[in-house]
C-alpha atoms as a PDB file:
ATOM      1  CA  MET A   1     -64.105  18.505  35.209  1.00  0.00           C
ATOM      2  CA  PRO A   2     -61.059  16.576  33.875  1.00  0.00           C
ATOM      3  CA  SER A   3     -60.135  13.358  35.581  1.00  0.00           C
ATOM      4  CA  TRP A   4     -56.682  12.769  37.123  1.00  0.00           C
ATOM      5  CA  ARG A   5     -55.714  10.650  34.107  1.00  0.00           C
ATOM      6  CA  ALA A   6     -56.328  13.504  31.704  1.00  0.00           C
ATOM      7  CA  ARG A   7     -54.257  15.878  33.835  1.00  0.00           C
ATOM      8  CA  ARG A   8     -51.437  13.334  34.091  1.00  0.00           C
ATOM      9  CA  SER A   9     -51.255  12.905  30.289  1.00  0.00           C
ATOM     10  CA  GLU A  10     -50.978  16.653  29.806  1.00  0.00           C
ATOM     11  CA  ARG A  11     -47.841  16.777  31.967  1.00  0.00           C
ATOM     12  CA  GLY A  12     -45.814  14.327  29.820  1.00  0.00           C
ATOM     13  CA  PHE A  13     -43.513  11.528  30.933  1.00  0.00           C
ATOM     14  CA  SER A  14     -42.253  11.195  34.463  1.00  0.00           C
ATOM     15  CA  LEU A  15     -38.531  11.099  35.206  1.00  0.00           C
ATOM     16  CA  ALA A  16     -38.715   7.386  36.048  1.00  0.00           C
ATOM     17  CA  GLU A  17     -40.359   6.624  32.692  1.00  0.00           C
ATOM     18  CA  LEU A  18     -37.701   8.587  30.796  1.00  0.00           C
ATOM     19  CA  LEU A  19     -34.889   6.814  32.657  1.00  0.00           C
ATOM     20  CA  ILE A  20     -36.396   3.426  31.845  1.00  0.00           C
ATOM     21  CA  LEU A  21     -36.695   4.404  28.174  1.00  0.00           C
ATOM     22  CA  ILE A  22     -33.070   5.595  28.072  1.00  0.00           C
ATOM     23  CA  ALA A  23     -31.905   2.369  29.751  1.00  0.00           C
ATOM     24  CA  LEU A  24     -33.796   0.250  27.213  1.00  0.00           C
ATOM     25  CA  VAL A  25     -32.404   2.174  24.226  1.00  0.00           C
ATOM     26  CA  THR A  26     -28.864   1.967  25.651  1.00  0.00           C
ATOM     27  CA  ALA A  27     -29.161  -1.787  26.255  1.00  0.00           C
ATOM     28  CA  ALA A  28     -30.492  -2.350  22.734  1.00  0.00           C
ATOM     29  CA  SER A  29     -27.644  -0.363  21.169  1.00  0.00           C
ATOM     30  CA  VAL A  30     -24.959  -2.066  23.285  1.00  0.00           C
ATOM     31  CA  TRP A  31     -26.330  -5.451  22.261  1.00  0.00           C
ATOM     32  CA  GLY A  32     -27.006  -4.581  18.612  1.00  0.00           C
ATOM     33  CA  LEU A  33     -23.997  -2.478  17.601  1.00  0.00           C
ATOM     34  CA  PRO A  34     -21.399  -5.284  17.611  1.00  0.00           C
ATOM     35  CA  ARG A  35     -23.815  -7.513  15.706  1.00  0.00           C
ATOM     36  CA  ALA A  36     -24.368  -4.782  13.127  1.00  0.00           C
ATOM     37  CA  LEU A  37     -20.625  -4.197  12.666  1.00  0.00           C
ATOM     38  CA  THR A  38     -19.638  -7.857  12.223  1.00  0.00           C
ATOM     39  CA  PRO A  39     -20.664  -8.173   8.535  1.00  0.00           C
ATOM     40  CA  ARG A  40     -18.859  -4.913   7.683  1.00  0.00           C
ATOM     41  CA  ARG A  41     -15.698  -6.051   9.494  1.00  0.00           C
ATOM     42  CA  ARG A  42     -15.721  -9.407   7.682  1.00  0.00           C
ATOM     43  CA  LEU A  43     -16.220  -7.670   4.337  1.00  0.00           C
ATOM     44  CA  ASN A  44     -13.303  -5.302   5.038  1.00  0.00           C
ATOM     45  CA  GLU A  45     -11.053  -8.238   5.986  1.00  0.00           C
ATOM     46  CA  GLU A  46     -11.971 -10.175   2.833  1.00  0.00           C
ATOM     47  CA  THR A  47     -11.417  -7.042   0.732  1.00  0.00           C
ATOM     48  CA  ALA A  48      -7.968  -6.591   2.312  1.00  0.00           C
ATOM     49  CA  ARG A  49      -6.970 -10.192   1.506  1.00  0.00           C
ATOM     50  CA  GLU A  50      -8.318  -9.817  -2.044  1.00  0.00           C
ATOM     51  CA  THR A  51      -6.402  -6.554  -2.488  1.00  0.00           C
ATOM     52  CA  LEU A  52      -3.183  -8.262  -1.348  1.00  0.00           C
ATOM     53  CA  ARG A  53      -3.778 -11.039  -3.893  1.00  0.00           C
ATOM     54  CA  MET A  54      -4.278  -8.394  -6.596  1.00  0.00           C
ATOM     55  CA  LEU A  55      -1.120  -6.575  -5.506  1.00  0.00           C
ATOM     56  CA  HIS A  56       0.843  -9.788  -5.846  1.00  0.00           C
ATOM     57  CA  SER A  57      -0.528 -10.738  -9.261  1.00  0.00           C
ATOM     58  CA  SER A  58      -0.361  -7.165 -10.612  1.00  0.00           C
ATOM     59  CA  GLY A  59       3.259  -6.913  -9.498  1.00  0.00           C
ATOM     60  CA  GLN A  60       4.057 -10.159 -11.288  1.00  0.00           C
ATOM     61  CA  VAL A  61       2.336  -8.973 -14.487  1.00  0.00           C
ATOM     62  CA  TRP A  62       4.182  -5.656 -14.311  1.00  0.00           C
ATOM     63  CA  ALA A  63       7.544  -7.374 -13.760  1.00  0.00           C
ATOM     64  CA  ALA A  64       6.924  -9.849 -16.602  1.00  0.00           C
ATOM     65  CA  ARG A  65       6.032  -7.120 -19.081  1.00  0.00           C
ATOM     66  CA  THR A  66       8.643  -4.537 -18.129  1.00  0.00           C
ATOM     67  CA  SER A  67      12.118  -4.595 -16.612  1.00  0.00           C
ATOM     68  CA  GLY A  68      11.592  -7.750 -14.581  1.00  0.00           C
ATOM     69  CA  ARG A  69      11.503  -5.776 -11.346  1.00  0.00           C
ATOM     70  CA  ARG A  70       8.476  -5.533  -9.148  1.00  0.00           C
ATOM     71  CA  PRO A  71       7.071  -1.983  -8.996  1.00  0.00           C
ATOM     72  CA  PRO A  72       6.604  -0.259  -5.645  1.00  0.00           C
ATOM     73  CA  LEU A  73       3.145  -0.276  -4.067  1.00  0.00           C
ATOM     74  CA  ALA A  74       2.673   3.468  -4.630  1.00  0.00           C
ATOM     75  CA  LEU A  75       3.351   3.025  -8.358  1.00  0.00           C
ATOM     76  CA  LEU A  76       0.899   0.133  -8.680  1.00  0.00           C
ATOM     77  CA  ALA A  77      -1.782   1.952  -6.695  1.00  0.00           C
ATOM     78  CA  GLY A  78      -1.139   5.175  -8.597  1.00  0.00           C
ATOM     79  CA  TYR A  79      -1.218   3.465 -12.007  1.00  0.00           C
ATOM     80  CA  LEU A  80      -4.843   2.408 -11.626  1.00  0.00           C
ATOM     81  CA  PHE A  81      -6.534   3.606 -14.806  1.00  0.00           C
ATOM     82  CA  ALA A  82      -3.699   5.519 -16.442  1.00  0.00           C
ATOM     83  CA  ASN A  83      -2.690   5.204 -20.070  1.00  0.00           C
ATOM     84  CA  ASP A  84      -1.324   1.935 -21.359  1.00  0.00           C
ATOM     85  CA  ARG A  85       2.416   1.784 -20.633  1.00  0.00           C
ATOM     86  CA  ALA A  86       4.840  -0.887 -21.759  1.00  0.00           C
ATOM     87  CA  GLY A  87       2.048  -3.109 -23.033  1.00  0.00           C
ATOM     88  CA  LEU A  88       0.365  -3.315 -19.632  1.00  0.00           C
ATOM     89  CA  PRO A  89      -3.423  -3.495 -19.531  1.00  0.00           C
ATOM     90  CA  ARG A  90      -5.198  -0.453 -18.199  1.00  0.00           C
ATOM     91  CA  GLY A  91      -6.332  -0.749 -14.622  1.00  0.00           C
ATOM     92  CA  LEU A  92      -4.034  -3.340 -13.080  1.00  0.00           C
ATOM     93  CA  MET A  93      -5.461  -2.403  -9.691  1.00  0.00           C
ATOM     94  CA  PRO A  94      -9.049  -1.564  -8.726  1.00  0.00           C
ATOM     95  CA  ARG A  95     -10.284   1.933  -8.030  1.00  0.00           C
ATOM     96  CA  ALA A  96     -10.713   3.479  -4.579  1.00  0.00           C
ATOM     97  CA  PHE A  97      -7.075   3.703  -3.537  1.00  0.00           C
ATOM     98  CA  ALA A  98      -5.931   6.782  -1.672  1.00  0.00           C
ATOM     99  CA  LEU A  99      -2.193   7.452  -1.638  1.00  0.00           C
ATOM    100  CA  ARG A 100      -0.651   9.171   1.361  1.00  0.00           C
ATOM    101  CA  GLY A 101       2.738  10.860   1.430  1.00  0.00           C
ATOM    102  CA  ASP A 102       4.194   8.418   3.968  1.00  0.00           C
ATOM    103  CA  GLY A 103       3.956   5.387   1.674  1.00  0.00           C
ATOM    104  CA  VAL A 104       0.670   4.120   3.105  1.00  0.00           C
ATOM    105  CA  VAL A 105      -2.146   3.311   0.710  1.00  0.00           C
ATOM    106  CA  LEU A 106      -5.736   3.339   1.940  1.00  0.00           C
ATOM    107  CA  ARG A 107      -8.487   1.148   0.550  1.00  0.00           C
ATOM    108  CA  GLY A 108     -11.749   0.189   2.192  1.00  0.00           C
ATOM    109  CA  GLY A 109     -11.271  -0.227   5.922  1.00  0.00           C
ATOM    110  CA  TYR A 110      -7.557  -1.118   5.644  1.00  0.00           C
ATOM    111  CA  ARG A 111      -4.170   0.527   5.271  1.00  0.00           C
ATOM    112  CA  PHE A 112      -1.398  -0.993   3.147  1.00  0.00           C
ATOM    113  CA  ARG A 113       2.347  -0.425   3.531  1.00  0.00           C
ATOM    114  CA  GLU A 114       5.159  -2.058   1.632  1.00  0.00           C
ATOM    115  CA  GLU A 115       8.368  -3.254   3.308  1.00  0.00           C
ATOM    116  CA  HIS A 116      11.724  -3.113   1.539  1.00  0.00           C
ATOM    117  CA  SER A 117      15.098  -4.805   2.014  1.00  0.00           C
ATOM    118  CA  ALA A 118      18.209  -2.785   2.861  1.00  0.00           C
ATOM    119  CA  ALA A 119      18.918  -2.718  -0.889  1.00  0.00           C
ATOM    120  CA  GLY A 120      15.492  -1.196  -1.548  1.00  0.00           C
ATOM    121  CA  GLU A 121      13.868  -4.296  -3.049  1.00  0.00           C
ATOM    122  CA  PRO A 122      10.195  -4.822  -2.113  1.00  0.00           C
ATOM    123  CA  LEU A 123       9.807  -7.773   0.274  1.00  0.00           C
ATOM    124  CA  GLY A 124       6.107  -7.749   1.032  1.00  0.00           C
ATOM    125  CA  CYS A 125       3.127  -5.700   2.047  1.00  0.00           C
ATOM    126  CA  TRP A 126       1.312  -5.151   5.341  1.00  0.00           C
ATOM    127  CA  ALA A 127      -2.447  -4.622   5.580  1.00  0.00           C
ATOM    128  CA  TRP A 128      -3.957  -3.510   8.875  1.00  0.00           C
ATOM    129  CA  PRO A 129      -7.336  -1.980   9.833  1.00  0.00           C
ATOM    130  CA  LYS A 130      -7.858   1.776   9.969  1.00  0.00           C
ATOM    131  CA  LEU A 131     -10.013   1.360  13.083  1.00  0.00           C
ATOM    132  CA  PRO A 132      -8.975  -1.843  14.896  1.00  0.00           C
ATOM    133  CA  GLY A 133     -11.992  -3.797  16.056  1.00  0.00           C
ATOM    134  CA  TYR A 134     -14.423  -1.825  13.907  1.00  0.00           C
ATOM    135  CA  SER A 135     -13.047  -1.912  10.368  1.00  0.00           C
ATOM    136  CA  GLY A 136     -11.158  -5.172  10.933  1.00  0.00           C
ATOM    137  CA  ALA A 137      -9.719  -7.456  13.582  1.00  0.00           C
ATOM    138  CA  GLU A 138      -6.714  -8.940  11.785  1.00  0.00           C
ATOM    139  CA  THR A 139      -3.450  -7.774  10.273  1.00  0.00           C
ATOM    140  CA  TYR A 140      -2.148  -9.412   7.083  1.00  0.00           C
ATOM    141  CA  TRP A 141       1.318  -9.827   5.589  1.00  0.00           C
ATOM    142  CA  LEU A 142       1.836 -10.624   1.902  1.00  0.00           C
ATOM    143  CA  ASP A 143       5.201 -12.208   1.165  1.00  0.00           C
ATOM    144  CA  TYR A 144       6.113 -11.219  -2.400  1.00  0.00           C
ATOM    145  CA  ALA A 145       8.530 -14.133  -2.844  1.00  0.00           C
ATOM    146  CA  SER A 146       5.986 -16.867  -2.116  1.00  0.00           C
ATOM    147  CA  GLY A 147       2.700 -15.032  -2.664  1.00  0.00           C
ATOM    148  CA  GLU A 148       1.527 -16.318   0.718  1.00  0.00           C
ATOM    149  CA  ILE A 149      -0.734 -14.169   2.888  1.00  0.00           C
ATOM    150  CA  VAL A 150      -0.107 -14.607   6.604  1.00  0.00           C
ATOM    151  CA  THR A 151      -2.880 -13.671   9.057  1.00  0.00           C
ATOM    152  CA  ILE A 152      -1.872 -12.048  12.331  1.00  0.00           C
ATOM    153  CA  PRO A 153      -4.671 -11.732  14.930  1.00  0.00           C
ATOM    154  CA  ALA A 154      -3.448  -8.426  16.346  1.00  0.00           C
ATOM    155  CA  ALA A 155      -5.037  -5.485  14.546  1.00  0.00           C
ATOM    156  CA  GLU A 156      -2.397  -2.934  15.452  1.00  0.00           C
ATOM    157  CA  PRO A 157      -0.200  -1.204  12.885  1.00  0.00           C
ATOM    158  CA  PRO A 158       2.954  -3.235  12.162  1.00  0.00           C
ATOM    159  CA  PRO A 159       6.286  -1.653  13.057  1.00  0.00           C
ATOM    160  CA  ALA A 160       8.266  -0.272  10.137  1.00  0.00           C
ATOM    161  CA  GLY A 161      10.925  -2.621   8.818  1.00  0.00           C
ATOM    162  CA  ALA A 162       9.434  -5.769  10.338  1.00  0.00           C
ATOM    163  CA  GLY A 163       8.255  -8.847   8.498  1.00  0.00           C
ATOM    164  CA  PRO A 164       5.729 -11.196  10.148  1.00  0.00           C
ATOM    165  CA  ASN A 165       8.477 -13.204  11.861  1.00  0.00           C
ATOM    166  CA  ASN A 166       9.947 -10.120  13.529  1.00  0.00           C
ATOM    167  CA  ARG A 167       6.766  -8.955  15.214  1.00  0.00           C
END
């Protein structure tokens, strides 16, 4: 004759045991998820700053070797690994850019958008996270005139036509 312990094990877990297990798994994920995302967020932010530095230097190389005018962001991002034009080295910018129709370029966990003056001259470039808080926590502004990258703590998309001082 089976003992009460053998019969209990055949029935499975009780509701209280399942609730405790679910609570423990939930607590572990709530505690561990932000810790797991922190290295990825930092890497995305560093990649965004590095991409802005490359945009600045690639624009200067382009301007020095061509008409003296800085190319638009979409042209630089689209040039990538095209044929050699005007004595420019192949691959001014790294791979993994995705061009959208609205002038926004995607790379890594960030979006990039160029701002222009009323005359159409490029002034600088915004970089902000695709998923604020997850893919990045900061917004960046690259000033083309000085080459300086300004960090803005807010991770929201910048308004169109606004430099960092107009936010």
